[in-house]
Amino acid sequence: MRLGLHALGIGTGARREVIDAVAVAADDSGFATLWAGEHVVMVDRPTSRYPYADDGRIAVPAVADWLDPMIGLSFAAAATRRIHIATGILLLPEHNPVLLAKQAATLDLMSGGRLTLGVGIGWSEEEFAALGVPFARRGPRAAEYVAAMRTLWRDDVASFDGEFVSFDAVRVNPKPVRDRRIPIVVGGNSDPALRRAATWGDGWYGFNLSDALEAAERIDTLRGLCREVGRDPGELRMAVALRDVDLGDVTALACAGVDELVLVAAPPDDAGAAADWVRSIADRWLPAIASA
């Protein structure tokens, strides 16, 4: 099992000097992945329910800085050499898939093949309305966008004809580093989200799960869905972030088949203290991860 850190892009983690310090320290300390999520807009009085909290409310205040993850992660990639970077998650139906395919391939190339594209379908109706994107059928839209992006990455001259996106005989370069593919990890804890991961994902990112038992139950469900669609569950990468995680969860998560435990935390205000903050997390968690 590996250890990831979801700390960049929001609030103090949106500051350039903090991004540099956290990224370098995480790279040096042995973290596997730096994760960053996305919201294009926030609203002061949302009516949409946030699915990752019992009270239905997102903890991030609407006034907080929230970086575009593709841009924020490009700075983290530029400051490092080994650690992987991942969107966790990017709201795929809100993006033009042709443009995103080029942006992702560019970041993958410039980082030396270190990008994982974590995607989800979104939950905020207000955000979709602000972007002029239909909220309905966002699940099928996301599935089609993934197929279109994979076509653009794979083919020198690409054509695609779908319900939501079409193009004919176009060239989109550069291509991703690893066999013209970028791993696509599906976010979301619901059964429909797990079905998307089983059907067309390269992995699953379970976010803000209550505990290791819920993580294990969701992974069992995902494995069953993989078998239903004729896929080997072992092909999928499993990453999870728990709401209240402690060292005692590590062995249970490893036994459940988790490939990466992602710690969600906000870095300190002082960039000068960020490196020590990262190292203290690594010193506490990496020995337990290594022995799991």
Protein backbone atom coordinates (compact mmCIF):
# COMPACT_ATOMS: atom_id res chain seq x y z
CA MET A 1 0.00 0.00 0.00
CA ARG A 2 1.10 3.55 -0.77
CA LEU A 3 0.50 6.86 1.00
CA GLY A 4 -1.02 9.87 -0.74
CA LEU A 5 -1.56 13.44 0.41
CA HIS A 6 -4.62 15.52 -0.47
CA ALA A 7 -3.49 18.95 0.73
CA LEU A 8 -3.09 21.26 -2.26
CA GLY A 9 -5.34 23.70 -4.05
CA ILE A 10 -7.59 25.10 -1.30
CA GLY A 11 -7.00 27.90 1.22
CA THR A 12 -3.42 27.83 2.46
CA GLY A 13 -2.76 25.00 -0.01
CA ALA A 14 -3.52 27.41 -2.85
CA ARG A 15 -0.47 29.58 -2.20
CA ARG A 16 2.49 29.14 -4.53
CA GLU A 17 5.14 29.03 -1.80
CA VAL A 18 3.14 26.45 0.17
CA ILE A 19 2.60 24.30 -2.93
CA ASP A 20 6.34 24.29 -3.60
CA ALA A 21 7.24 23.45 0.00
CA VAL A 22 4.62 20.71 0.41
CA ALA A 23 5.37 19.13 -2.97
CA VAL A 24 9.14 19.00 -2.46
CA ALA A 25 8.85 17.66 1.08
CA ALA A 26 6.29 15.03 0.04
CA ASP A 27 8.52 13.95 -2.83
CA ASP A 28 11.55 13.67 -0.56
CA SER A 29 9.63 11.90 2.22
CA GLY A 30 8.27 9.05 0.11
CA PHE A 31 4.64 9.96 -0.51
CA ALA A 32 3.24 8.33 -3.65
CA THR A 33 0.77 10.95 -4.89
CA LEU A 34 -0.28 14.56 -4.44
CA TRP A 35 -4.05 14.97 -4.92
CA ALA A 36 -6.05 18.13 -5.66
CA GLY A 37 -9.80 18.51 -6.15
CA GLU A 38 -11.96 20.89 -8.12
CA HIS A 39 -14.88 23.25 -7.91
CA VAL A 40 -15.14 25.97 -10.53
CA VAL A 41 -17.68 27.99 -8.56
CA MET A 42 -19.05 27.94 -5.04
CA VAL A 43 -22.24 29.59 -3.82
CA ASP A 44 -23.06 31.16 -0.46
CA ARG A 45 -26.42 29.43 0.01
CA PRO A 46 -26.36 26.10 -1.85
CA THR A 47 -29.49 24.04 -2.24
CA SER A 48 -27.62 21.02 -3.64
CA ARG A 49 -26.65 18.40 -1.08
CA TYR A 50 -22.96 17.62 -0.63
CA PRO A 51 -22.77 13.81 -0.71
CA TYR A 52 -19.62 13.37 1.40
CA ALA A 53 -20.90 14.75 4.71
CA ASP A 54 -23.75 13.59 6.91
CA ASP A 55 -25.21 17.10 7.10
CA GLY A 56 -25.03 17.57 3.32
CA ARG A 57 -22.80 20.65 3.58
CA ILE A 58 -19.28 21.05 2.22
CA ALA A 59 -16.74 22.15 4.83
CA VAL A 60 -14.86 24.48 2.49
CA PRO A 61 -16.19 28.04 2.81
CA ALA A 62 -17.43 29.67 -0.39
CA VAL A 63 -14.91 32.52 0.01
CA ALA A 64 -11.87 30.22 0.07
CA ASP A 65 -9.36 30.21 -2.76
CA TRP A 66 -9.76 27.03 -4.83
CA LEU A 67 -7.24 26.55 -7.63
CA ASP A 68 -7.89 24.92 -10.96
CA PRO A 69 -6.31 21.49 -10.23
CA MET A 70 -4.65 21.12 -13.61
CA ILE A 71 -2.81 24.41 -13.16
CA GLY A 72 -2.09 23.94 -9.46
CA LEU A 73 -0.74 20.44 -10.01
CA SER A 74 1.49 21.67 -12.83
CA PHE A 75 3.36 23.77 -10.26
CA ALA A 76 3.65 20.76 -7.96
CA ALA A 77 4.97 18.67 -10.85
CA ALA A 78 7.50 21.33 -11.80
CA ALA A 79 8.86 21.41 -8.25
CA THR A 80 9.32 17.61 -8.04
CA ARG A 81 10.79 14.67 -9.92
CA ARG A 82 9.24 11.43 -8.64
CA ILE A 83 5.92 11.90 -6.88
CA HIS A 84 2.76 11.35 -8.89
CA ILE A 85 0.01 13.95 -9.22
CA ALA A 86 -3.73 13.30 -9.38
CA THR A 87 -6.94 15.26 -9.71
CA GLY A 88 -9.18 14.11 -6.92
CA ILE A 89 -11.52 14.81 -8.37
CA LEU A 90 -12.06 16.82 -11.56
CA LEU A 91 -15.71 17.40 -12.51
CA LEU A 92 -15.58 15.90 -15.97
CA PRO A 93 -19.01 16.88 -17.40
CA GLU A 94 -18.13 20.55 -16.81
CA HIS A 95 -15.20 20.39 -19.23
CA ASN A 96 -14.82 20.31 -23.00
CA PRO A 97 -13.34 16.83 -23.52
CA VAL A 98 -11.22 17.76 -26.53
CA LEU A 99 -9.60 20.64 -24.66
CA LEU A 100 -9.21 18.57 -21.49
CA ALA A 101 -7.60 15.73 -23.45
CA LYS A 102 -4.94 18.15 -24.66
CA GLN A 103 -4.46 19.74 -21.23
CA ALA A 104 -4.12 16.36 -19.53
CA ALA A 105 -1.71 15.01 -22.12
CA THR A 106 0.36 18.19 -21.84
CA LEU A 107 0.59 17.91 -18.06
CA ASP A 108 1.37 14.19 -18.33
CA LEU A 109 4.17 14.88 -20.80
CA MET A 110 5.64 17.77 -18.82
CA SER A 111 5.57 15.73 -15.60
CA GLY A 112 7.19 12.69 -17.20
CA GLY A 113 4.07 10.52 -17.16
CA ARG A 114 3.11 11.17 -13.53
CA LEU A 115 -0.53 12.24 -13.98
CA THR A 116 -3.63 10.34 -12.88
CA LEU A 117 -6.91 11.89 -13.94
CA GLY A 118 -9.43 11.43 -11.15
CA VAL A 119 -12.91 12.32 -12.40
CA GLY A 120 -16.46 12.50 -11.13
CA ILE A 121 -19.83 13.68 -12.37
CA GLY A 122 -20.40 16.47 -9.83
CA TRP A 123 -23.16 17.15 -7.32
CA SER A 124 -23.77 20.94 -7.37
CA GLU A 125 -26.65 21.91 -9.60
CA GLU A 126 -25.76 25.57 -9.03
CA GLU A 127 -22.27 25.01 -10.43
CA PHE A 128 -23.56 23.33 -13.58
CA ALA A 129 -26.05 26.17 -14.09
CA ALA A 130 -23.29 28.79 -13.80
CA LEU A 131 -21.27 26.96 -16.46
CA GLY A 132 -24.23 26.45 -18.78
CA VAL A 133 -23.88 22.66 -18.67
CA PRO A 134 -26.96 20.44 -18.27
CA PHE A 135 -27.10 18.77 -14.87
CA ALA A 136 -29.28 15.95 -16.18
CA ARG A 137 -27.54 12.96 -17.79
CA ARG A 138 -24.15 14.03 -16.51
CA GLY A 139 -23.28 10.37 -15.90
CA PRO A 140 -23.65 9.31 -19.54
CA ARG A 141 -21.94 12.55 -20.58
CA ALA A 142 -18.92 11.71 -18.42
CA ALA A 143 -18.70 8.16 -19.82
CA GLU A 144 -18.77 9.48 -23.37
CA TYR A 145 -16.19 12.16 -22.60
CA VAL A 146 -13.83 9.47 -21.27
CA ALA A 147 -14.26 7.42 -24.46
CA ALA A 148 -13.63 10.51 -26.57
CA MET A 149 -10.49 11.49 -24.65
CA ARG A 150 -9.07 7.99 -24.88
CA THR A 151 -9.67 8.08 -28.63
CA LEU A 152 -7.82 11.39 -28.92
CA TRP A 153 -4.91 10.07 -26.86
CA ARG A 154 -4.68 6.80 -28.76
CA ASP A 155 -5.15 7.74 -32.42
CA ASP A 156 -2.90 9.92 -34.54
CA VAL A 157 -5.95 10.98 -36.55
CA ALA A 158 -9.02 10.70 -34.34
CA SER A 159 -12.74 10.59 -35.07
CA PHE A 160 -15.65 10.20 -32.67
CA ASP A 161 -19.41 10.47 -33.10
CA GLY A 162 -21.46 10.52 -29.91
CA GLU A 163 -24.47 12.10 -28.28
CA PHE A 164 -22.47 14.80 -26.48
CA VAL A 165 -19.25 15.17 -28.49
CA SER A 166 -18.27 14.61 -32.11
CA PHE A 167 -15.13 15.27 -34.13
CA ASP A 168 -13.79 13.98 -37.41
CA ALA A 169 -10.21 13.33 -38.52
CA VAL A 170 -8.52 15.62 -35.99
CA ARG A 171 -5.02 15.56 -34.56
CA VAL A 172 -4.51 16.36 -30.88
CA ASN A 173 -0.93 16.33 -29.70
CA PRO A 174 1.04 15.71 -27.53
CA LYS A 175 0.19 12.15 -26.60
CA PRO A 176 0.39 10.79 -23.03
CA VAL A 177 3.70 9.23 -22.02
CA ARG A 178 2.59 5.73 -20.96
CA ASP A 179 1.36 3.89 -24.07
CA ARG A 180 -0.81 6.87 -25.00
CA ARG A 181 -2.97 6.42 -21.90
CA ILE A 182 -3.59 8.40 -18.74
CA PRO A 183 -5.06 6.40 -15.83
CA ILE A 184 -8.63 7.54 -15.14
CA VAL A 185 -9.79 7.01 -11.56
CA VAL A 186 -13.48 7.46 -10.78
CA GLY A 187 -14.53 9.35 -7.66
CA GLY A 188 -17.75 8.84 -5.71
CA ASN A 189 -18.98 6.45 -3.04
CA SER A 190 -22.44 5.60 -4.35
CA ASP A 191 -23.38 2.41 -6.19
CA PRO A 192 -23.73 4.32 -9.51
CA ALA A 193 -20.23 5.77 -9.03
CA LEU A 194 -18.84 2.30 -8.35
CA ARG A 195 -20.58 1.01 -11.46
CA ARG A 196 -18.87 3.74 -13.51
CA ALA A 197 -15.51 2.70 -12.05
CA ALA A 198 -16.21 -0.94 -12.87
CA THR A 199 -17.41 -0.17 -16.39
CA TRP A 200 -14.85 2.30 -17.70
CA GLY A 201 -12.49 3.38 -14.91
CA ASP A 202 -8.89 2.43 -14.28
CA GLY A 203 -9.51 2.78 -10.55
CA TRP A 204 -11.64 4.24 -7.78
CA TYR A 205 -11.10 7.09 -5.31
CA GLY A 206 -13.36 6.74 -2.29
CA PHE A 207 -13.45 10.11 -0.55
CA ASN A 208 -14.36 10.96 3.05
CA LEU A 209 -15.49 7.43 3.86
CA SER A 210 -16.57 7.02 7.46
CA ASP A 211 -14.16 4.23 8.38
CA ALA A 212 -12.24 1.18 7.19
CA LEU A 213 -15.36 -0.99 7.36
CA GLU A 214 -17.20 1.25 4.90
CA ALA A 215 -14.15 1.26 2.63
CA ALA A 216 -14.04 -2.54 2.65
CA GLU A 217 -17.77 -2.79 1.95
CA ARG A 218 -17.52 -0.37 -0.98
CA ILE A 219 -14.54 -2.27 -2.41
CA ASP A 220 -16.44 -5.57 -2.14
CA THR A 221 -19.35 -3.97 -4.01
CA LEU A 222 -16.99 -2.64 -6.67
CA ARG A 223 -15.42 -6.07 -7.14
CA GLY A 224 -18.87 -7.58 -7.62
CA LEU A 225 -19.75 -4.94 -10.21
CA CYS A 226 -16.48 -5.66 -12.03
CA ARG A 227 -17.40 -9.31 -12.27
CA GLU A 228 -20.85 -8.38 -13.59
CA VAL A 229 -19.30 -6.49 -16.51
CA GLY A 230 -16.60 -9.10 -17.13
CA ARG A 231 -13.63 -7.23 -15.68
CA ASP A 232 -10.88 -8.46 -13.40
CA PRO A 233 -11.17 -6.38 -10.18
CA GLY A 234 -7.41 -6.65 -9.82
CA GLU A 235 -7.04 -4.28 -12.79
CA LEU A 236 -8.42 -1.36 -10.77
CA ARG A 237 -6.40 0.91 -8.50
CA MET A 238 -8.13 1.49 -5.14
CA ALA A 239 -7.46 4.77 -3.32
CA VAL A 240 -9.42 5.86 -0.26
CA ALA A 241 -9.56 8.78 2.14
CA LEU A 242 -11.24 8.23 5.52
CA ARG A 243 -13.06 10.89 7.53
CA ASP A 244 -11.33 10.02 10.83
CA VAL A 245 -8.36 7.83 10.04
CA ASP A 246 -5.87 6.45 12.56
CA LEU A 247 -2.92 4.11 12.44
CA GLY A 248 -5.09 1.19 13.46
CA ASP A 249 -6.93 1.41 10.13
CA VAL A 250 -3.87 0.69 8.01
CA THR A 251 -3.85 -3.10 8.30
CA ALA A 252 -7.61 -3.34 7.72
CA LEU A 253 -7.38 -1.18 4.64
CA ALA A 254 -4.49 -3.22 3.24
CA CYS A 255 -6.46 -6.43 3.82
CA ALA A 256 -9.45 -4.89 2.04
CA GLY A 257 -7.31 -4.34 -1.05
CA VAL A 258 -6.65 -0.61 -0.78
CA ASP A 259 -3.67 0.39 -2.93
CA GLU A 260 -3.31 3.91 -1.60
CA LEU A 261 -4.41 5.57 1.62
CA VAL A 262 -4.90 9.28 1.00
CA LEU A 263 -4.57 11.63 3.95
CA VAL A 264 -6.65 14.80 3.68
CA ALA A 265 -5.22 17.77 5.58
CA ALA A 266 -4.65 21.51 5.28
CA PRO A 267 -1.03 22.70 5.30
CA PRO A 268 0.12 25.42 7.70
CA ASP A 269 -0.16 29.11 6.84
CA ASP A 270 3.60 29.53 7.10
CA ALA A 271 5.35 28.08 4.06
CA GLY A 272 8.49 27.79 6.15
CA ALA A 273 6.72 25.31 8.41
CA ALA A 274 5.22 23.27 5.57
CA ALA A 275 8.19 20.96 5.07
CA ASP A 276 8.31 19.97 8.74
CA TRP A 277 4.54 19.45 8.67
CA VAL A 278 4.86 17.03 5.75
CA ARG A 279 7.78 15.20 7.32
CA SER A 280 5.87 14.78 10.60
CA ILE A 281 3.01 13.13 8.69
CA ALA A 282 5.44 10.88 6.83
CA ASP A 283 7.24 9.88 10.04
CA ARG A 284 3.94 8.86 11.62
CA TRP A 285 2.32 7.04 8.70
CA LEU A 286 4.95 5.59 6.38
CA PRO A 287 6.30 2.99 8.82
CA ALA A 288 2.77 1.66 9.36
CA ILE A 289 2.14 1.65 5.60
CA ALA A 290 5.39 -0.20 4.95
CA SER A 291 4.57 -2.91 7.48
CA ALA A 292 0.92 -3.42 6.42
